[in-house]
Amino acid sequence: MSPVTSAANALVAHFAGKLQFETDASDVHADQERGARFVLIDSRGDDAWTQGRVTGAVHLPTAQIARRAPLEIPLDMPVVTYCWGPGCNGATRAALEFAKLGYQVKEMIGGFEYWAREGYPVEDDHGRVVRAVDPLTAPAHAIGCDC
């Protein structure tokens, strides 16, 4: 095998691996819209949850996953975790806890920040929260980024 082929194979494996274990707000929203079977886990603490969360998410802070997940989420249910945003690795830690328990799990990159900035449904303890789409994260007048 030539060095170029070897490097290309390594690159393909790397990026395919990322797509196997990561998703983004756009794909999660599309999966919600089409009724895909999965549970979206907000792994943040109580104060963050109260401030705002993805509509339809389940609140399960990372420290509680090992104890609560086996009682509340069937092992064959795919899981997607999220935390604050790209500057936080809380969703990664939450995904690790689910993986240790044997769940099929993905991390939603961009977290709550990019979910909200892209204009997807957000709620707080008082109901729906309407946020403008940030044109730096998503097309302001389109359904998706077509990427």
N, C-alpha and C. Protein backbone atom coordinates (compact mmCIF):
# COMPACT_ATOMS: atom_id res chain seq x y z
N MET A 1 0.85 -1.17 0.00
CA MET A 1 0.00 0.00 0.00
C MET A 1 0.89 1.24 0.00
N SER A 2 0.56 2.19 -0.84
CA SER A 2 1.36 3.40 -0.93
C SER A 2 1.09 4.30 0.28
N PRO A 3 2.04 5.18 0.62
CA PRO A 3 1.82 6.11 1.74
C PRO A 3 0.59 7.00 1.53
N VAL A 4 0.31 7.37 0.27
CA VAL A 4 -0.85 8.21 -0.01
C VAL A 4 -2.13 7.44 0.30
N THR A 5 -2.20 6.19 -0.13
CA THR A 5 -3.38 5.36 0.13
C THR A 5 -3.55 5.14 1.62
N SER A 6 -2.47 4.88 2.32
CA SER A 6 -2.53 4.69 3.76
C SER A 6 -3.04 5.94 4.48
N ALA A 7 -2.54 7.09 4.07
CA ALA A 7 -2.99 8.35 4.68
C ALA A 7 -4.46 8.60 4.36
N ALA A 8 -4.86 8.32 3.11
CA ALA A 8 -6.27 8.52 2.72
C ALA A 8 -7.17 7.59 3.54
N ASN A 9 -6.76 6.35 3.73
CA ASN A 9 -7.55 5.41 4.52
C ASN A 9 -7.67 5.88 5.97
N ALA A 10 -6.60 6.42 6.51
CA ALA A 10 -6.63 6.93 7.88
C ALA A 10 -7.59 8.11 7.99
N LEU A 11 -7.58 8.98 7.00
CA LEU A 11 -8.49 10.12 6.99
C LEU A 11 -9.94 9.67 6.89
N VAL A 12 -10.22 8.73 6.02
CA VAL A 12 -11.58 8.21 5.88
C VAL A 12 -12.03 7.60 7.20
N ALA A 13 -11.18 6.80 7.82
CA ALA A 13 -11.54 6.18 9.10
C ALA A 13 -11.79 7.24 10.18
N HIS A 14 -10.98 8.26 10.21
CA HIS A 14 -11.13 9.33 11.20
C HIS A 14 -12.48 10.03 11.05
N PHE A 15 -12.78 10.50 9.84
CA PHE A 15 -14.01 11.26 9.64
C PHE A 15 -15.25 10.39 9.71
N ALA A 16 -15.17 9.16 9.26
CA ALA A 16 -16.30 8.24 9.40
C ALA A 16 -16.57 7.96 10.88
N GLY A 17 -15.50 7.84 11.65
CA GLY A 17 -15.65 7.62 13.09
C GLY A 17 -16.33 8.79 13.78
N LYS A 18 -15.96 10.01 13.39
CA LYS A 18 -16.61 11.18 13.97
C LYS A 18 -18.11 11.17 13.69
N LEU A 19 -18.48 10.84 12.46
CA LEU A 19 -19.90 10.82 12.11
C LEU A 19 -20.65 9.69 12.80
N GLN A 20 -19.95 8.65 13.17
CA GLN A 20 -20.58 7.54 13.89
C GLN A 20 -20.93 7.94 15.32
N PHE A 21 -20.15 8.85 15.91
CA PHE A 21 -20.32 9.18 17.32
C PHE A 21 -20.75 10.62 17.59
N GLU A 22 -20.85 11.45 16.55
CA GLU A 22 -21.26 12.83 16.72
C GLU A 22 -22.41 13.14 15.77
N THR A 23 -23.23 14.09 16.17
CA THR A 23 -24.30 14.62 15.33
C THR A 23 -24.34 16.12 15.59
N ASP A 24 -25.23 16.83 14.94
CA ASP A 24 -25.33 18.27 15.18
C ASP A 24 -26.79 18.66 15.33
N ALA A 25 -27.01 19.93 15.67
CA ALA A 25 -28.37 20.41 15.94
C ALA A 25 -29.28 20.21 14.73
N SER A 26 -28.79 20.50 13.55
CA SER A 26 -29.59 20.36 12.35
C SER A 26 -30.06 18.92 12.15
N ASP A 27 -29.15 17.97 12.31
CA ASP A 27 -29.52 16.57 12.13
C ASP A 27 -30.45 16.07 13.24
N VAL A 28 -30.21 16.52 14.47
CA VAL A 28 -31.08 16.11 15.57
C VAL A 28 -32.49 16.66 15.35
N HIS A 29 -32.58 17.93 14.95
CA HIS A 29 -33.89 18.51 14.68
C HIS A 29 -34.59 17.76 13.56
N ALA A 30 -33.88 17.45 12.49
CA ALA A 30 -34.46 16.69 11.37
C ALA A 30 -34.95 15.33 11.86
N ASP A 31 -34.17 14.68 12.71
CA ASP A 31 -34.59 13.38 13.27
C ASP A 31 -35.85 13.53 14.12
N GLN A 32 -35.92 14.59 14.92
CA GLN A 32 -37.14 14.85 15.70
C GLN A 32 -38.33 15.03 14.77
N GLU A 33 -38.17 15.83 13.74
CA GLU A 33 -39.27 16.13 12.81
C GLU A 33 -39.78 14.88 12.11
N ARG A 34 -38.89 13.95 11.80
CA ARG A 34 -39.32 12.74 11.11
C ARG A 34 -39.71 11.61 12.06
N GLY A 35 -39.64 11.90 13.36
CA GLY A 35 -40.09 10.91 14.35
C GLY A 35 -39.11 9.77 14.59
N ALA A 36 -37.83 10.02 14.36
CA ALA A 36 -36.82 8.99 14.62
C ALA A 36 -36.85 8.58 16.08
N ARG A 37 -36.51 7.34 16.34
CA ARG A 37 -36.53 6.79 17.69
C ARG A 37 -35.20 7.08 18.39
N PHE A 38 -35.21 8.00 19.33
CA PHE A 38 -34.05 8.31 20.16
C PHE A 38 -34.50 9.18 21.30
N VAL A 39 -33.66 9.29 22.32
CA VAL A 39 -33.93 10.21 23.42
C VAL A 39 -32.80 11.23 23.45
N LEU A 40 -33.20 12.50 23.58
CA LEU A 40 -32.24 13.60 23.63
C LEU A 40 -32.04 13.98 25.09
N ILE A 41 -30.80 13.87 25.55
CA ILE A 41 -30.47 14.08 26.96
C ILE A 41 -29.76 15.40 27.17
N ASP A 42 -30.35 16.23 28.03
CA ASP A 42 -29.71 17.46 28.48
C ASP A 42 -28.93 17.09 29.75
N SER A 43 -27.62 17.13 29.66
CA SER A 43 -26.77 16.65 30.76
C SER A 43 -26.35 17.76 31.72
N ARG A 44 -26.92 18.96 31.55
CA ARG A 44 -26.55 20.10 32.39
C ARG A 44 -27.26 20.03 33.74
N GLY A 45 -26.85 20.89 34.64
CA GLY A 45 -27.44 20.95 35.97
C GLY A 45 -28.80 21.62 35.98
N ASP A 46 -29.39 21.68 37.17
CA ASP A 46 -30.74 22.21 37.34
C ASP A 46 -30.88 23.67 36.91
N ASP A 47 -29.93 24.52 37.27
CA ASP A 47 -30.03 25.94 36.92
C ASP A 47 -30.01 26.14 35.40
N ALA A 48 -29.17 25.40 34.71
CA ALA A 48 -29.10 25.50 33.25
C ALA A 48 -30.40 25.00 32.62
N TRP A 49 -30.92 23.88 33.11
CA TRP A 49 -32.18 23.32 32.61
C TRP A 49 -33.31 24.33 32.77
N THR A 50 -33.38 24.96 33.93
CA THR A 50 -34.44 25.93 34.20
C THR A 50 -34.33 27.13 33.28
N GLN A 51 -33.12 27.55 32.98
CA GLN A 51 -32.89 28.72 32.13
C GLN A 51 -33.40 28.49 30.71
N GLY A 52 -33.27 27.27 30.21
CA GLY A 52 -33.74 26.95 28.87
C GLY A 52 -33.18 25.64 28.41
N ARG A 53 -33.95 24.97 27.56
CA ARG A 53 -33.52 23.65 27.07
C ARG A 53 -34.16 23.38 25.72
N VAL A 54 -33.66 22.35 25.05
CA VAL A 54 -34.22 21.89 23.79
C VAL A 54 -35.60 21.31 24.07
N THR A 55 -36.58 21.74 23.30
CA THR A 55 -37.92 21.20 23.44
C THR A 55 -37.89 19.70 23.16
N GLY A 56 -38.42 18.94 24.08
CA GLY A 56 -38.45 17.49 23.93
C GLY A 56 -37.30 16.76 24.60
N ALA A 57 -36.34 17.50 25.14
CA ALA A 57 -35.19 16.88 25.80
C ALA A 57 -35.60 16.32 27.16
N VAL A 58 -34.80 15.38 27.63
CA VAL A 58 -34.96 14.80 28.97
C VAL A 58 -33.80 15.31 29.81
N HIS A 59 -34.11 15.78 31.02
CA HIS A 59 -33.07 16.29 31.91
C HIS A 59 -32.46 15.15 32.70
N LEU A 60 -31.18 14.89 32.45
CA LEU A 60 -30.47 13.83 33.16
C LEU A 60 -29.01 14.28 33.33
N PRO A 61 -28.73 15.01 34.41
CA PRO A 61 -27.36 15.48 34.64
C PRO A 61 -26.36 14.32 34.65
N THR A 62 -25.18 14.59 34.17
CA THR A 62 -24.15 13.56 34.02
C THR A 62 -23.94 12.75 35.29
N ALA A 63 -23.90 13.40 36.43
CA ALA A 63 -23.65 12.69 37.70
C ALA A 63 -24.75 11.70 38.04
N GLN A 64 -25.90 11.79 37.40
CA GLN A 64 -27.03 10.91 37.70
C GLN A 64 -27.23 9.80 36.67
N ILE A 65 -26.48 9.83 35.59
CA ILE A 65 -26.70 8.88 34.49
C ILE A 65 -26.53 7.43 34.94
N ALA A 66 -25.45 7.11 35.61
CA ALA A 66 -25.20 5.71 36.00
C ALA A 66 -26.34 5.15 36.84
N ARG A 67 -26.93 5.97 37.69
CA ARG A 67 -28.00 5.51 38.57
C ARG A 67 -29.36 5.52 37.88
N ARG A 68 -29.67 6.59 37.17
CA ARG A 68 -31.02 6.76 36.63
C ARG A 68 -31.26 6.15 35.26
N ALA A 69 -30.27 6.18 34.39
CA ALA A 69 -30.50 5.74 33.01
C ALA A 69 -31.03 4.31 32.91
N PRO A 70 -30.44 3.35 33.63
CA PRO A 70 -30.97 1.98 33.49
C PRO A 70 -32.43 1.84 33.95
N LEU A 71 -32.88 2.73 34.82
CA LEU A 71 -34.25 2.69 35.32
C LEU A 71 -35.23 3.44 34.41
N GLU A 72 -34.73 4.41 33.64
CA GLU A 72 -35.61 5.31 32.89
C GLU A 72 -35.52 5.19 31.38
N ILE A 73 -34.42 4.65 30.87
CA ILE A 73 -34.22 4.61 29.42
C ILE A 73 -33.89 3.17 29.01
N PRO A 74 -34.71 2.58 28.14
CA PRO A 74 -34.41 1.22 27.69
C PRO A 74 -33.03 1.15 27.03
N LEU A 75 -32.34 0.05 27.26
CA LEU A 75 -30.98 -0.10 26.74
C LEU A 75 -30.94 -0.07 25.21
N ASP A 76 -32.03 -0.43 24.56
CA ASP A 76 -32.04 -0.42 23.09
C ASP A 76 -32.47 0.94 22.51
N MET A 77 -32.65 1.94 23.37
CA MET A 77 -33.03 3.28 22.91
C MET A 77 -31.78 4.08 22.56
N PRO A 78 -31.63 4.52 21.31
CA PRO A 78 -30.49 5.37 20.98
C PRO A 78 -30.56 6.68 21.79
N VAL A 79 -29.40 7.18 22.15
CA VAL A 79 -29.28 8.36 23.00
C VAL A 79 -28.43 9.41 22.30
N VAL A 80 -28.84 10.68 22.42
CA VAL A 80 -28.04 11.82 21.98
C VAL A 80 -27.88 12.72 23.19
N THR A 81 -26.65 13.11 23.49
CA THR A 81 -26.39 13.97 24.63
C THR A 81 -26.02 15.37 24.17
N TYR A 82 -26.39 16.36 25.01
CA TYR A 82 -25.91 17.72 24.77
C TYR A 82 -25.67 18.41 26.10
N CYS A 83 -24.83 19.44 26.04
CA CYS A 83 -24.54 20.29 27.19
C CYS A 83 -24.62 21.72 26.68
N TRP A 84 -23.82 22.65 27.23
CA TRP A 84 -23.92 24.06 26.86
C TRP A 84 -23.55 24.35 25.41
N GLY A 85 -22.34 24.02 25.02
CA GLY A 85 -21.89 24.39 23.68
C GLY A 85 -20.50 23.89 23.40
N PRO A 86 -19.89 24.41 22.35
CA PRO A 86 -18.58 23.90 21.93
C PRO A 86 -17.46 24.15 22.94
N GLY A 87 -17.66 25.08 23.86
CA GLY A 87 -16.64 25.34 24.87
C GLY A 87 -16.78 24.46 26.10
N CYS A 88 -17.69 23.49 26.04
CA CYS A 88 -17.98 22.63 27.19
C CYS A 88 -17.91 21.18 26.75
N ASN A 89 -17.26 20.34 27.56
CA ASN A 89 -17.19 18.92 27.20
C ASN A 89 -18.16 18.07 28.03
N GLY A 90 -19.17 18.71 28.59
CA GLY A 90 -20.16 17.98 29.39
C GLY A 90 -20.91 16.92 28.60
N ALA A 91 -21.23 17.21 27.34
CA ALA A 91 -21.93 16.21 26.52
C ALA A 91 -21.04 15.01 26.26
N THR A 92 -19.74 15.25 26.13
CA THR A 92 -18.80 14.15 25.93
C THR A 92 -18.76 13.26 27.18
N ARG A 93 -18.70 13.89 28.35
CA ARG A 93 -18.69 13.12 29.60
C ARG A 93 -19.99 12.33 29.76
N ALA A 94 -21.12 12.96 29.41
CA ALA A 94 -22.41 12.27 29.49
C ALA A 94 -22.46 11.09 28.52
N ALA A 95 -21.99 11.32 27.30
CA ALA A 95 -21.97 10.23 26.31
C ALA A 95 -21.10 9.08 26.80
N LEU A 96 -19.98 9.39 27.43
CA LEU A 96 -19.12 8.35 27.99
C LEU A 96 -19.87 7.53 29.04
N GLU A 97 -20.62 8.19 29.91
CA GLU A 97 -21.38 7.46 30.93
C GLU A 97 -22.40 6.52 30.29
N PHE A 98 -23.09 6.98 29.25
CA PHE A 98 -24.04 6.12 28.55
C PHE A 98 -23.32 4.97 27.86
N ALA A 99 -22.19 5.24 27.24
CA ALA A 99 -21.42 4.19 26.57
C ALA A 99 -20.97 3.11 27.57
N LYS A 100 -20.56 3.52 28.76
CA LYS A 100 -20.16 2.56 29.79
C LYS A 100 -21.30 1.63 30.16
N LEU A 101 -22.53 2.12 30.04
CA LEU A 101 -23.71 1.32 30.37
C LEU A 101 -24.18 0.46 29.19
N GLY A 102 -23.57 0.65 28.03
CA GLY A 102 -23.91 -0.16 26.86
C GLY A 102 -24.90 0.46 25.90
N TYR A 103 -25.20 1.75 26.06
CA TYR A 103 -26.13 2.43 25.16
C TYR A 103 -25.45 2.80 23.85
N GLN A 104 -26.24 2.84 22.77
CA GLN A 104 -25.81 3.44 21.51
C GLN A 104 -25.97 4.94 21.71
N VAL A 105 -24.88 5.70 21.64
CA VAL A 105 -24.93 7.11 22.01
C VAL A 105 -24.14 7.98 21.04
N LYS A 106 -24.66 9.18 20.81
CA LYS A 106 -23.96 10.20 20.04
C LYS A 106 -23.96 11.49 20.84
N GLU A 107 -22.98 12.30 20.57
CA GLU A 107 -22.89 13.64 21.16
C GLU A 107 -23.36 14.66 20.14
N MET A 108 -24.24 15.58 20.59
CA MET A 108 -24.67 16.66 19.71
C MET A 108 -23.66 17.81 19.82
N ILE A 109 -22.80 17.92 18.81
CA ILE A 109 -21.80 18.99 18.84
C ILE A 109 -22.49 20.34 18.73
N GLY A 110 -21.91 21.34 19.35
CA GLY A 110 -22.50 22.66 19.36
C GLY A 110 -23.43 22.88 20.54
N GLY A 111 -23.99 21.78 21.07
CA GLY A 111 -24.81 21.83 22.27
C GLY A 111 -26.01 22.75 22.19
N PHE A 112 -26.48 23.11 23.39
CA PHE A 112 -27.65 23.98 23.50
C PHE A 112 -27.42 25.32 22.80
N GLU A 113 -26.20 25.83 22.90
CA GLU A 113 -25.91 27.12 22.28
C GLU A 113 -26.26 27.13 20.80
N TYR A 114 -25.75 26.16 20.06
CA TYR A 114 -25.99 26.17 18.62
C TYR A 114 -27.41 25.74 18.28
N TRP A 115 -28.02 24.91 19.11
CA TRP A 115 -29.44 24.58 18.91
C TRP A 115 -30.25 25.88 18.93
N ALA A 116 -30.04 26.68 19.98
CA ALA A 116 -30.79 27.93 20.13
C ALA A 116 -30.41 28.94 19.05
N ARG A 117 -29.13 29.06 18.74
CA ARG A 117 -28.67 30.04 17.74
C ARG A 117 -29.19 29.70 16.35
N GLU A 118 -29.43 28.42 16.09
CA GLU A 118 -29.94 28.02 14.78
C GLU A 118 -31.46 28.13 14.70
N GLY A 119 -32.10 28.55 15.79
CA GLY A 119 -33.53 28.82 15.76
C GLY A 119 -34.44 27.63 15.99
N TYR A 120 -33.90 26.54 16.50
CA TYR A 120 -34.73 25.37 16.76
C TYR A 120 -35.51 25.56 18.07
N PRO A 121 -36.56 24.76 18.28
CA PRO A 121 -37.44 24.98 19.43
C PRO A 121 -36.73 24.88 20.80
N VAL A 122 -36.95 25.94 21.58
CA VAL A 122 -36.39 26.06 22.92
C VAL A 122 -37.54 26.36 23.87
N GLU A 123 -37.43 25.86 25.09
CA GLU A 123 -38.42 26.16 26.11
C GLU A 123 -37.74 26.37 27.45
N ASP A 124 -38.48 26.98 28.36
CA ASP A 124 -38.04 27.09 29.75
C ASP A 124 -39.22 26.68 30.63
N ASP A 125 -39.16 26.93 31.90
CA ASP A 125 -40.23 26.51 32.80
C ASP A 125 -41.56 27.22 32.55
N HIS A 126 -41.54 28.27 31.73
CA HIS A 126 -42.75 29.03 31.44
C HIS A 126 -43.32 28.74 30.06
N GLY A 127 -42.63 27.91 29.28
CA GLY A 127 -43.12 27.58 27.94
C GLY A 127 -42.09 27.84 26.86
N ARG A 128 -42.59 28.01 25.65
CA ARG A 128 -41.73 28.19 24.48
C ARG A 128 -40.99 29.52 24.55
N VAL A 129 -39.74 29.49 24.15
CA VAL A 129 -38.91 30.68 24.06
C VAL A 129 -38.57 30.88 22.58
N VAL A 130 -38.92 32.03 22.03
CA VAL A 130 -38.66 32.30 20.62
C VAL A 130 -37.35 33.07 20.51
N ARG A 131 -36.44 32.55 19.71
CA ARG A 131 -35.14 33.18 19.49
C ARG A 131 -34.94 33.39 18.00
N ALA A 132 -34.33 34.49 17.65
CA ALA A 132 -34.01 34.75 16.25
C ALA A 132 -32.87 33.84 15.81
N VAL A 133 -32.89 33.46 14.56
CA VAL A 133 -31.81 32.67 13.99
C VAL A 133 -30.57 33.55 13.86
N ASP A 134 -29.44 33.05 14.30
CA ASP A 134 -28.18 33.76 14.16
C ASP A 134 -27.65 33.50 12.75
N PRO A 135 -27.54 34.51 11.89
CA PRO A 135 -27.10 34.28 10.52
C PRO A 135 -25.65 33.81 10.41
N LEU A 136 -24.92 33.83 11.50
CA LEU A 136 -23.55 33.29 11.48
C LEU A 136 -23.53 31.78 11.70
N THR A 137 -24.67 31.21 12.09
CA THR A 137 -24.69 29.77 12.35
C THR A 137 -25.63 29.01 11.43
N ALA A 138 -26.56 29.71 10.81
CA ALA A 138 -27.54 29.05 9.94
C ALA A 138 -28.10 30.07 8.96
N PRO A 139 -28.53 29.62 7.79
CA PRO A 139 -29.15 30.55 6.86
C PRO A 139 -30.43 31.13 7.47
N ALA A 140 -30.57 32.42 7.45
CA ALA A 140 -31.70 33.08 8.09
C ALA A 140 -33.03 32.77 7.40
N HIS A 141 -33.02 32.46 6.11
CA HIS A 141 -34.26 32.27 5.37
C HIS A 141 -34.30 30.92 4.65
N ALA A 142 -33.74 29.90 5.27
CA ALA A 142 -33.73 28.58 4.66
C ALA A 142 -33.99 27.53 5.71
N ILE A 143 -34.35 26.35 5.28
CA ILE A 143 -34.64 25.26 6.19
C ILE A 143 -33.36 24.70 6.80
N GLY A 144 -32.34 24.58 6.01
CA GLY A 144 -31.08 24.01 6.51
C GLY A 144 -29.91 24.58 5.74
N CYS A 145 -28.74 24.17 6.14
CA CYS A 145 -27.53 24.72 5.51
C CYS A 145 -27.12 23.94 4.26
N ASP A 146 -27.79 22.83 3.98
CA ASP A 146 -27.48 21.99 2.82
C ASP A 146 -26.06 21.44 2.84
N CYS A 147 -25.53 21.28 4.04
CA CYS A 147 -24.17 20.73 4.11
C CYS A 147 -24.24 19.25 4.37
